[in-house]
Amino acid sequence: MNTPRPRVSARSFSPAAPLHALVRLALLLTLLTLLAPGGLLGQDGGVSLPVGTPAPDVELEDLDGNPVRLADVLDGKPALIEFWAIWCENCEALQPQLDRIQARFGDRMNVVAVAVAVSQSQRRVKRHIAEHAPGYPYLWDERGAAVRAYQAATTSIVVLVDAEGKVAYTGVGGDQDLVAAVEHLLGAAPAP
């Protein structure tokens, strides 16, 4: 007895279909990880490390490949650390705030971008800096040391560190009010 075979045409099969399913599954697993008790969003809704945690010191590289300790760059001052990438739209959305923070508070705190080594090169990061002149350092996280130490599961995670070297704020996404968070950290009056 011959059983009819289902008709398969080139239009009904897409080689990208399994890839799309995997991407959807990865996004779902990431979301579940973030929302799970004790996950990256934690019980208090924060991201990255819990507030009050000592800021980890990690070895990174400058954009010329020289080893740099994050603690040396922070220099014992309050700091804003952004986990950043050229392709990150949320990072681009945060850039005007980072520019304002650098201009207004650059003498009282350090701003540092940690360039993650995912889908970008040191050369592309250097080109970005040359075009935008942010006025603060970009460090290269070739091996993911800072990403792991700060539990930065994505880009656009921002960590504020107080003068005692403890995490004072964490946030993610392009809609963070970083200027207000820095004003609060430094005890500064809001800008007019």
N, C-alpha and C. Protein backbone atom coordinates (compact mmCIF):
# COMPACT_ATOMS: atom_id res chain seq x y z
N MET A 1 0.84 -1.17 0.00
CA MET A 1 0.00 0.00 0.00
C MET A 1 0.89 1.24 0.00
N ASN A 2 0.64 2.10 -0.90
CA ASN A 2 1.42 3.32 -1.01
C ASN A 2 0.74 4.44 -0.24
N THR A 3 1.52 5.00 0.65
CA THR A 3 1.03 6.14 1.42
C THR A 3 1.45 7.41 0.72
N PRO A 4 0.52 8.33 0.49
CA PRO A 4 0.92 9.56 -0.19
C PRO A 4 1.89 10.36 0.66
N ARG A 5 2.90 10.90 0.04
CA ARG A 5 3.88 11.74 0.73
C ARG A 5 3.39 13.18 0.74
N PRO A 6 3.67 13.86 1.83
CA PRO A 6 3.30 15.28 1.83
C PRO A 6 4.15 16.02 0.82
N ARG A 7 3.56 17.00 0.18
CA ARG A 7 4.28 17.78 -0.81
C ARG A 7 5.10 18.85 -0.10
N VAL A 8 6.35 18.89 -0.44
CA VAL A 8 7.25 19.90 0.11
C VAL A 8 7.79 20.70 -1.05
N SER A 9 7.58 21.98 -1.00
CA SER A 9 8.11 22.84 -2.05
C SER A 9 9.19 23.72 -1.46
N ALA A 10 9.93 24.37 -2.33
CA ALA A 10 10.98 25.27 -1.88
C ALA A 10 10.39 26.41 -1.06
N ARG A 11 9.16 26.78 -1.35
CA ARG A 11 8.52 27.87 -0.60
C ARG A 11 8.13 27.45 0.80
N SER A 12 7.85 26.18 1.03
CA SER A 12 7.39 25.75 2.35
C SER A 12 8.55 25.43 3.29
N PHE A 13 9.77 25.36 2.77
CA PHE A 13 10.93 25.08 3.62
C PHE A 13 11.90 26.23 3.53
N SER A 14 12.28 26.72 4.67
CA SER A 14 13.26 27.81 4.72
C SER A 14 14.43 27.34 5.56
N PRO A 15 15.66 27.40 5.04
CA PRO A 15 16.82 27.00 5.84
C PRO A 15 16.98 27.88 7.07
N ALA A 16 16.42 29.08 7.05
CA ALA A 16 16.54 29.98 8.19
C ALA A 16 15.55 29.65 9.29
N ALA A 17 14.52 28.84 9.00
CA ALA A 17 13.49 28.53 10.00
C ALA A 17 14.09 27.95 11.28
N PRO A 18 14.98 26.96 11.21
CA PRO A 18 15.57 26.45 12.46
C PRO A 18 16.36 27.53 13.21
N LEU A 19 17.03 28.40 12.48
CA LEU A 19 17.78 29.48 13.11
C LEU A 19 16.84 30.44 13.82
N HIS A 20 15.74 30.80 13.19
CA HIS A 20 14.78 31.70 13.83
C HIS A 20 14.21 31.06 15.09
N ALA A 21 13.94 29.77 15.04
CA ALA A 21 13.43 29.08 16.23
C ALA A 21 14.46 29.10 17.35
N LEU A 22 15.72 28.91 17.00
CA LEU A 22 16.77 28.95 18.02
C LEU A 22 16.91 30.34 18.63
N VAL A 23 16.82 31.37 17.79
CA VAL A 23 16.90 32.74 18.29
C VAL A 23 15.75 33.02 19.25
N ARG A 24 14.54 32.60 18.86
CA ARG A 24 13.38 32.81 19.74
C ARG A 24 13.56 32.07 21.06
N LEU A 25 14.08 30.85 20.99
CA LEU A 25 14.31 30.06 22.20
C LEU A 25 15.36 30.74 23.08
N ALA A 26 16.44 31.25 22.49
CA ALA A 26 17.48 31.93 23.26
C ALA A 26 16.93 33.18 23.94
N LEU A 27 16.10 33.94 23.22
CA LEU A 27 15.50 35.14 23.82
C LEU A 27 14.58 34.77 24.98
N LEU A 28 13.79 33.72 24.81
CA LEU A 28 12.91 33.27 25.87
C LEU A 28 13.70 32.82 27.09
N LEU A 29 14.76 32.05 26.88
CA LEU A 29 15.59 31.60 28.00
C LEU A 29 16.27 32.77 28.71
N THR A 30 16.72 33.77 27.94
CA THR A 30 17.32 34.95 28.54
C THR A 30 16.30 35.68 29.40
N LEU A 31 15.09 35.86 28.89
CA LEU A 31 14.05 36.53 29.64
C LEU A 31 13.73 35.77 30.92
N LEU A 32 13.60 34.45 30.82
CA LEU A 32 13.32 33.65 32.01
C LEU A 32 14.44 33.74 33.03
N THR A 33 15.69 33.78 32.56
CA THR A 33 16.82 33.92 33.46
C THR A 33 16.78 35.26 34.19
N LEU A 34 16.45 36.31 33.44
CA LEU A 34 16.39 37.64 34.03
C LEU A 34 15.29 37.75 35.07
N LEU A 35 14.15 37.10 34.83
CA LEU A 35 13.01 37.24 35.71
C LEU A 35 12.96 36.21 36.83
N ALA A 36 13.75 35.16 36.73
CA ALA A 36 13.72 34.11 37.74
C ALA A 36 14.21 34.63 39.08
N PRO A 37 13.68 34.08 40.19
CA PRO A 37 14.18 34.48 41.50
C PRO A 37 15.69 34.26 41.57
N GLY A 38 16.40 35.31 41.98
CA GLY A 38 17.85 35.23 42.06
C GLY A 38 18.52 35.38 40.72
N GLY A 39 17.74 35.61 39.65
CA GLY A 39 18.30 35.80 38.32
C GLY A 39 18.99 37.15 38.24
N LEU A 40 19.37 37.55 37.04
CA LEU A 40 20.10 38.79 36.88
C LEU A 40 19.30 39.99 37.33
N LEU A 41 17.98 39.94 37.21
CA LEU A 41 17.18 41.05 37.72
C LEU A 41 17.05 40.99 39.22
N GLY A 42 17.37 39.86 39.80
CA GLY A 42 17.40 39.74 41.25
C GLY A 42 16.04 39.99 41.88
N GLN A 43 16.01 39.96 43.18
CA GLN A 43 14.76 40.14 43.90
C GLN A 43 14.37 41.60 44.01
N ASP A 44 15.34 42.53 43.88
CA ASP A 44 15.01 43.94 44.02
C ASP A 44 14.79 44.61 42.67
N GLY A 45 14.83 43.86 41.57
CA GLY A 45 14.57 44.42 40.25
C GLY A 45 15.80 45.02 39.59
N GLY A 46 16.96 45.02 40.27
CA GLY A 46 18.17 45.58 39.69
C GLY A 46 18.81 44.60 38.72
N VAL A 47 19.78 45.08 37.98
CA VAL A 47 20.53 44.22 37.07
C VAL A 47 21.97 44.21 37.54
N SER A 48 22.73 43.28 37.02
CA SER A 48 24.15 43.19 37.35
C SER A 48 24.31 42.82 38.81
N LEU A 49 25.23 43.45 39.49
CA LEU A 49 25.52 43.13 40.89
C LEU A 49 24.56 43.87 41.83
N PRO A 50 24.28 43.29 42.98
CA PRO A 50 23.41 43.97 43.94
C PRO A 50 24.06 45.26 44.46
N VAL A 51 23.22 46.25 44.73
CA VAL A 51 23.70 47.50 45.33
C VAL A 51 24.38 47.16 46.66
N GLY A 52 25.52 47.80 46.90
CA GLY A 52 26.29 47.57 48.11
C GLY A 52 27.42 46.58 47.94
N THR A 53 27.43 45.85 46.82
CA THR A 53 28.49 44.89 46.52
C THR A 53 29.77 45.65 46.17
N PRO A 54 30.91 45.22 46.68
CA PRO A 54 32.17 45.84 46.24
C PRO A 54 32.35 45.67 44.73
N ALA A 55 32.72 46.75 44.06
CA ALA A 55 32.92 46.70 42.61
C ALA A 55 34.15 45.84 42.31
N PRO A 56 34.00 44.82 41.50
CA PRO A 56 35.13 43.95 41.19
C PRO A 56 36.23 44.68 40.41
N ASP A 57 37.46 44.32 40.68
CA ASP A 57 38.58 44.82 39.89
C ASP A 57 38.94 43.72 38.90
N VAL A 58 39.02 44.08 37.64
CA VAL A 58 39.34 43.10 36.60
C VAL A 58 40.44 43.67 35.71
N GLU A 59 41.14 42.76 35.06
CA GLU A 59 42.14 43.19 34.09
C GLU A 59 41.51 43.20 32.71
N LEU A 60 41.59 44.35 32.07
CA LEU A 60 41.09 44.55 30.72
C LEU A 60 42.25 44.97 29.85
N GLU A 61 41.96 45.53 28.69
CA GLU A 61 43.00 46.08 27.82
C GLU A 61 42.59 47.48 27.40
N ASP A 62 43.59 48.33 27.17
CA ASP A 62 43.26 49.58 26.49
C ASP A 62 43.09 49.22 25.01
N LEU A 63 42.78 50.17 24.19
CA LEU A 63 42.49 49.87 22.78
C LEU A 63 43.74 49.61 21.95
N ASP A 64 44.90 49.67 22.60
CA ASP A 64 46.14 49.28 21.94
C ASP A 64 46.60 47.90 22.38
N GLY A 65 45.78 47.22 23.20
CA GLY A 65 46.10 45.87 23.64
C GLY A 65 46.93 45.79 24.90
N ASN A 66 47.19 46.92 25.56
CA ASN A 66 47.97 46.92 26.80
C ASN A 66 47.08 46.57 27.98
N PRO A 67 47.58 45.75 28.93
CA PRO A 67 46.76 45.41 30.10
C PRO A 67 46.49 46.64 30.98
N VAL A 68 45.25 46.70 31.46
CA VAL A 68 44.82 47.81 32.31
C VAL A 68 43.93 47.24 33.41
N ARG A 69 44.16 47.65 34.65
CA ARG A 69 43.29 47.25 35.76
C ARG A 69 42.15 48.27 35.85
N LEU A 70 40.94 47.78 35.95
CA LEU A 70 39.78 48.67 36.04
C LEU A 70 39.90 49.58 37.26
N ALA A 71 40.39 49.06 38.37
CA ALA A 71 40.54 49.88 39.58
C ALA A 71 41.48 51.06 39.35
N ASP A 72 42.50 50.88 38.52
CA ASP A 72 43.42 51.98 38.23
C ASP A 72 42.73 53.08 37.42
N VAL A 73 41.85 52.68 36.53
CA VAL A 73 41.11 53.65 35.73
C VAL A 73 40.08 54.38 36.58
N LEU A 74 39.45 53.65 37.50
CA LEU A 74 38.46 54.28 38.38
C LEU A 74 39.12 55.23 39.36
N ASP A 75 40.35 54.92 39.75
CA ASP A 75 41.18 55.83 40.54
C ASP A 75 40.57 56.26 41.87
N GLY A 76 39.76 55.39 42.49
CA GLY A 76 39.22 55.69 43.81
C GLY A 76 38.13 56.75 43.82
N LYS A 77 37.64 57.16 42.67
CA LYS A 77 36.56 58.14 42.58
C LYS A 77 35.24 57.43 42.30
N PRO A 78 34.13 58.11 42.54
CA PRO A 78 32.87 57.54 42.05
C PRO A 78 33.00 57.34 40.54
N ALA A 79 32.25 56.38 40.02
CA ALA A 79 32.40 56.06 38.60
C ALA A 79 31.10 55.59 37.99
N LEU A 80 31.02 55.79 36.69
CA LEU A 80 29.95 55.23 35.86
C LEU A 80 30.63 54.29 34.88
N ILE A 81 30.20 53.03 34.88
CA ILE A 81 30.73 52.02 33.97
C ILE A 81 29.59 51.58 33.07
N GLU A 82 29.79 51.72 31.75
CA GLU A 82 28.78 51.25 30.81
C GLU A 82 29.35 50.08 30.01
N PHE A 83 28.58 49.01 29.91
CA PHE A 83 28.94 47.88 29.06
C PHE A 83 28.38 48.20 27.68
N TRP A 84 29.27 48.39 26.72
CA TRP A 84 28.97 49.10 25.49
C TRP A 84 29.39 48.32 24.25
N ALA A 85 28.68 48.58 23.14
CA ALA A 85 29.07 48.07 21.82
C ALA A 85 28.62 49.05 20.76
N ILE A 86 29.36 49.09 19.66
CA ILE A 86 29.03 49.96 18.54
C ILE A 86 27.62 49.68 18.03
N TRP A 87 27.24 48.43 17.96
CA TRP A 87 25.97 48.02 17.38
C TRP A 87 24.80 48.13 18.34
N CYS A 88 25.03 48.56 19.56
CA CYS A 88 23.99 48.61 20.60
C CYS A 88 23.16 49.89 20.48
N GLU A 89 21.91 49.75 20.06
CA GLU A 89 21.03 50.91 19.92
C GLU A 89 20.75 51.58 21.27
N ASN A 90 20.62 50.80 22.32
CA ASN A 90 20.40 51.38 23.65
C ASN A 90 21.61 52.20 24.11
N CYS A 91 22.80 51.71 23.77
CA CYS A 91 24.01 52.46 24.11
C CYS A 91 24.01 53.80 23.38
N GLU A 92 23.61 53.78 22.13
CA GLU A 92 23.52 55.02 21.35
C GLU A 92 22.50 55.97 21.97
N ALA A 93 21.38 55.43 22.45
CA ALA A 93 20.37 56.27 23.09
C ALA A 93 20.88 56.90 24.39
N LEU A 94 21.78 56.20 25.09
CA LEU A 94 22.33 56.71 26.35
C LEU A 94 23.45 57.73 26.13
N GLN A 95 24.03 57.77 24.94
CA GLN A 95 25.21 58.59 24.69
C GLN A 95 25.03 60.07 25.05
N PRO A 96 23.92 60.73 24.71
CA PRO A 96 23.79 62.14 25.10
C PRO A 96 23.86 62.35 26.62
N GLN A 97 23.30 61.42 27.39
CA GLN A 97 23.39 61.53 28.84
C GLN A 97 24.83 61.35 29.32
N LEU A 98 25.54 60.38 28.73
CA LEU A 98 26.93 60.17 29.13
C LEU A 98 27.77 61.41 28.81
N ASP A 99 27.49 62.03 27.67
CA ASP A 99 28.20 63.27 27.31
C ASP A 99 27.92 64.37 28.34
N ARG A 100 26.65 64.52 28.74
CA ARG A 100 26.30 65.53 29.77
C ARG A 100 26.98 65.23 31.09
N ILE A 101 26.99 63.96 31.48
CA ILE A 101 27.61 63.55 32.75
C ILE A 101 29.11 63.84 32.70
N GLN A 102 29.75 63.49 31.60
CA GLN A 102 31.19 63.75 31.47
C GLN A 102 31.47 65.25 31.55
N ALA A 103 30.67 66.05 30.85
CA ALA A 103 30.89 67.51 30.84
C ALA A 103 30.63 68.13 32.20
N ARG A 104 29.59 67.69 32.87
CA ARG A 104 29.19 68.32 34.13
C ARG A 104 29.94 67.76 35.35
N PHE A 105 30.20 66.45 35.36
CA PHE A 105 30.76 65.81 36.55
C PHE A 105 32.12 65.15 36.32
N GLY A 106 32.72 65.33 35.14
CA GLY A 106 33.97 64.65 34.80
C GLY A 106 35.10 64.94 35.77
N ASP A 107 35.04 66.06 36.48
CA ASP A 107 36.07 66.36 37.46
C ASP A 107 35.82 65.67 38.80
N ARG A 108 34.60 65.17 39.02
CA ARG A 108 34.24 64.56 40.30
C ARG A 108 34.07 63.04 40.22
N MET A 109 33.95 62.53 39.00
CA MET A 109 33.76 61.09 38.84
C MET A 109 34.36 60.64 37.52
N ASN A 110 34.58 59.36 37.39
CA ASN A 110 35.12 58.78 36.17
C ASN A 110 34.02 58.08 35.39
N VAL A 111 34.01 58.30 34.10
CA VAL A 111 33.12 57.58 33.20
C VAL A 111 34.00 56.64 32.39
N VAL A 112 33.59 55.38 32.30
CA VAL A 112 34.36 54.37 31.59
C VAL A 112 33.41 53.51 30.77
N ALA A 113 33.73 53.32 29.50
CA ALA A 113 32.97 52.39 28.66
C ALA A 113 33.76 51.11 28.55
N VAL A 114 33.13 50.00 28.85
CA VAL A 114 33.74 48.68 28.68
C VAL A 114 33.20 48.13 27.37
N ALA A 115 34.05 48.11 26.35
CA ALA A 115 33.66 47.62 25.03
C ALA A 115 33.72 46.10 25.02
N VAL A 116 32.56 45.49 24.88
CA VAL A 116 32.50 44.03 24.86
C VAL A 116 33.04 43.54 23.52
N ALA A 117 33.69 42.42 23.53
CA ALA A 117 34.34 41.89 22.32
C ALA A 117 33.40 40.95 21.58
N VAL A 118 32.20 41.43 21.29
CA VAL A 118 31.21 40.65 20.56
C VAL A 118 30.81 41.44 19.32
N SER A 119 31.08 40.90 18.16
CA SER A 119 30.72 41.51 16.87
C SER A 119 31.27 42.92 16.69
N GLN A 120 32.42 43.18 17.25
CA GLN A 120 33.13 44.44 17.02
C GLN A 120 34.62 44.20 17.26
N SER A 121 35.42 45.06 16.70
CA SER A 121 36.87 44.94 16.85
C SER A 121 37.41 46.19 17.54
N GLN A 122 38.63 46.07 18.04
CA GLN A 122 39.28 47.23 18.64
C GLN A 122 39.39 48.36 17.61
N ARG A 123 39.67 48.00 16.37
CA ARG A 123 39.81 49.02 15.32
C ARG A 123 38.51 49.79 15.11
N ARG A 124 37.38 49.08 15.10
CA ARG A 124 36.08 49.75 14.94
C ARG A 124 35.78 50.65 16.13
N VAL A 125 36.14 50.21 17.33
CA VAL A 125 35.92 51.02 18.53
C VAL A 125 36.79 52.28 18.46
N LYS A 126 38.04 52.12 18.05
CA LYS A 126 38.93 53.29 17.90
C LYS A 126 38.36 54.29 16.90
N ARG A 127 37.83 53.77 15.80
CA ARG A 127 37.24 54.64 14.78
C ARG A 127 36.04 55.40 15.35
N HIS A 128 35.23 54.71 16.13
CA HIS A 128 34.08 55.35 16.78
C HIS A 128 34.53 56.49 17.70
N ILE A 129 35.55 56.23 18.49
CA ILE A 129 36.06 57.24 19.43
C ILE A 129 36.61 58.43 18.65
N ALA A 130 37.33 58.17 17.57
CA ALA A 130 37.89 59.27 16.77
C ALA A 130 36.78 60.14 16.19
N GLU A 131 35.66 59.53 15.81
CA GLU A 131 34.54 60.29 15.24
C GLU A 131 33.72 61.03 16.28
N HIS A 132 33.65 60.50 17.51
CA HIS A 132 32.76 61.06 18.52
C HIS A 132 33.46 61.76 19.67
N ALA A 133 34.72 61.51 19.91
CA ALA A 133 35.51 62.15 20.98
C ALA A 133 34.74 62.26 22.30
N PRO A 134 34.46 61.13 22.95
CA PRO A 134 33.65 61.16 24.16
C PRO A 134 34.33 61.80 25.38
N GLY A 135 35.66 61.82 25.41
CA GLY A 135 36.35 62.44 26.54
C GLY A 135 36.57 61.52 27.73
N TYR A 136 36.26 60.26 27.59
CA TYR A 136 36.50 59.28 28.65
C TYR A 136 37.01 57.99 28.02
N PRO A 137 37.63 57.13 28.83
CA PRO A 137 38.26 55.94 28.25
C PRO A 137 37.28 54.83 27.87
N TYR A 138 37.68 54.11 26.85
CA TYR A 138 37.01 52.87 26.45
C TYR A 138 38.03 51.76 26.70
N LEU A 139 37.60 50.74 27.41
CA LEU A 139 38.46 49.59 27.67
C LEU A 139 37.92 48.39 26.91
N TRP A 140 38.80 47.50 26.50
CA TRP A 140 38.47 46.35 25.68
C TRP A 140 38.38 45.12 26.57
N ASP A 141 37.24 44.45 26.54
CA ASP A 141 37.00 43.25 27.36
C ASP A 141 37.11 42.01 26.47
N GLU A 142 38.33 41.73 26.00
CA GLU A 142 38.59 40.65 25.05
C GLU A 142 38.09 39.29 25.54
N ARG A 143 38.32 38.98 26.79
CA ARG A 143 37.99 37.64 27.31
C ARG A 143 36.72 37.63 28.15
N GLY A 144 36.01 38.74 28.23
CA GLY A 144 34.76 38.78 28.98
C GLY A 144 34.95 38.84 30.49
N ALA A 145 36.12 39.24 30.96
CA ALA A 145 36.38 39.27 32.40
C ALA A 145 35.44 40.23 33.12
N ALA A 146 35.27 41.43 32.57
CA ALA A 146 34.38 42.41 33.21
C ALA A 146 32.92 41.99 33.08
N VAL A 147 32.56 41.45 31.91
CA VAL A 147 31.19 40.98 31.71
C VAL A 147 30.82 39.95 32.76
N ARG A 148 31.72 39.00 33.01
CA ARG A 148 31.45 37.97 34.03
C ARG A 148 31.47 38.55 35.44
N ALA A 149 32.46 39.37 35.75
CA ALA A 149 32.60 39.91 37.10
C ALA A 149 31.42 40.79 37.48
N TYR A 150 30.89 41.54 36.51
CA TYR A 150 29.77 42.44 36.77
C TYR A 150 28.42 41.84 36.39
N GLN A 151 28.42 40.57 35.97
CA GLN A 151 27.21 39.87 35.58
C GLN A 151 26.42 40.68 34.55
N ALA A 152 27.13 41.20 33.57
CA ALA A 152 26.54 42.03 32.52
C ALA A 152 26.11 41.14 31.36
N ALA A 153 24.88 40.70 31.39
CA ALA A 153 24.38 39.74 30.41
C ALA A 153 24.09 40.38 29.06
N THR A 154 24.13 41.68 28.98
CA THR A 154 23.84 42.37 27.73
C THR A 154 24.57 43.71 27.72
N THR A 155 24.48 44.41 26.62
CA THR A 155 25.04 45.76 26.55
C THR A 155 24.02 46.74 27.12
N SER A 156 24.44 47.96 27.29
CA SER A 156 23.67 49.06 27.87
C SER A 156 23.42 48.88 29.37
N ILE A 157 24.12 47.94 29.98
CA ILE A 157 24.09 47.86 31.45
C ILE A 157 25.01 48.93 31.97
N VAL A 158 24.51 49.72 32.91
CA VAL A 158 25.29 50.78 33.53
C VAL A 158 25.38 50.47 35.02
N VAL A 159 26.60 50.61 35.55
CA VAL A 159 26.86 50.41 36.97
C VAL A 159 27.48 51.69 37.50
N LEU A 160 26.87 52.25 38.55
CA LEU A 160 27.48 53.38 39.25
C LEU A 160 28.16 52.85 40.49
N VAL A 161 29.38 53.31 40.70
CA VAL A 161 30.19 52.89 41.85
C VAL A 161 30.42 54.13 42.70
N ASP A 162 30.20 54.01 44.02
CA ASP A 162 30.39 55.16 44.90
C ASP A 162 31.86 55.35 45.27
N ALA A 163 32.14 56.38 46.07
CA ALA A 163 33.52 56.71 46.43
C ALA A 163 34.18 55.61 47.27
N GLU A 164 33.39 54.76 47.91
CA GLU A 164 33.94 53.65 48.70
C GLU A 164 34.17 52.41 47.85
N GLY A 165 33.87 52.50 46.56
CA GLY A 165 34.10 51.36 45.67
C GLY A 165 32.99 50.34 45.69
N LYS A 166 31.78 50.74 46.09
CA LYS A 166 30.65 49.82 46.13
C LYS A 166 29.62 50.19 45.07
N VAL A 167 28.94 49.18 44.58
CA VAL A 167 27.90 49.39 43.58
C VAL A 167 26.78 50.20 44.22
N ALA A 168 26.43 51.32 43.58
CA ALA A 168 25.39 52.20 44.09
C ALA A 168 24.14 52.21 43.21
N TYR A 169 24.28 51.75 41.96
CA TYR A 169 23.16 51.76 41.01
C TYR A 169 23.50 50.78 39.90
N THR A 170 22.47 50.09 39.42
CA THR A 170 22.59 49.31 38.19
C THR A 170 21.32 49.52 37.38
N GLY A 171 21.48 49.54 36.09
CA GLY A 171 20.33 49.68 35.21
C GLY A 171 20.68 49.17 33.83
N VAL A 172 19.66 48.98 33.02
CA VAL A 172 19.87 48.49 31.67
C VAL A 172 18.87 49.15 30.73
N GLY A 173 19.31 49.40 29.51
CA GLY A 173 18.42 49.94 28.50
C GLY A 173 18.62 51.40 28.23
N GLY A 174 18.04 51.85 27.13
CA GLY A 174 18.21 53.21 26.68
C GLY A 174 17.36 54.23 27.39
N ASP A 175 16.43 53.80 28.24
CA ASP A 175 15.55 54.75 28.91
C ASP A 175 15.95 55.06 30.35
N GLN A 176 17.16 54.69 30.74
CA GLN A 176 17.63 55.00 32.09
C GLN A 176 17.81 56.51 32.25
N ASP A 177 17.54 57.02 33.44
CA ASP A 177 17.80 58.44 33.72
C ASP A 177 19.13 58.50 34.47
N LEU A 178 20.22 58.44 33.71
CA LEU A 178 21.55 58.38 34.29
C LEU A 178 21.96 59.70 34.93
N VAL A 179 21.53 60.81 34.36
CA VAL A 179 21.87 62.11 34.93
C VAL A 179 21.31 62.20 36.36
N ALA A 180 20.06 61.82 36.55
CA ALA A 180 19.45 61.85 37.89
C ALA A 180 20.16 60.88 38.83
N ALA A 181 20.52 59.69 38.33
CA ALA A 181 21.21 58.71 39.17
C ALA A 181 22.57 59.24 39.61
N VAL A 182 23.29 59.92 38.72
CA VAL A 182 24.60 60.49 39.07
C VAL A 182 24.42 61.66 40.04
N GLU A 183 23.42 62.50 39.80
CA GLU A 183 23.15 63.61 40.74
C GLU A 183 22.88 63.06 42.13
N HIS A 184 22.10 61.99 42.20
CA HIS A 184 21.81 61.37 43.50
C HIS A 184 23.09 60.81 44.12
N LEU A 185 23.88 60.11 43.34
CA LEU A 185 25.12 59.53 43.84
C LEU A 185 26.06 60.60 44.39
N LEU A 186 26.18 61.70 43.67
CA LEU A 186 27.12 62.74 44.08
C LEU A 186 26.52 63.80 45.01
N GLY A 187 25.21 63.68 45.26
CA GLY A 187 24.57 64.67 46.11
C GLY A 187 24.50 66.03 45.45
N ALA A 188 24.44 66.06 44.14
CA ALA A 188 24.42 67.31 43.39
C ALA A 188 22.98 67.75 43.15
N ALA A 189 22.81 69.04 43.03
CA ALA A 189 21.50 69.59 42.71
C ALA A 189 21.19 69.29 41.26
N PRO A 190 19.92 69.00 40.94
CA PRO A 190 19.57 68.79 39.53
C PRO A 190 19.91 70.00 38.68
N ALA A 191 20.26 69.74 37.44
CA ALA A 191 20.58 70.82 36.52
C ALA A 191 19.32 71.62 36.21
N PRO A 192 19.46 72.94 36.04
CA PRO A 192 18.28 73.75 35.74
C PRO A 192 17.72 73.42 34.37
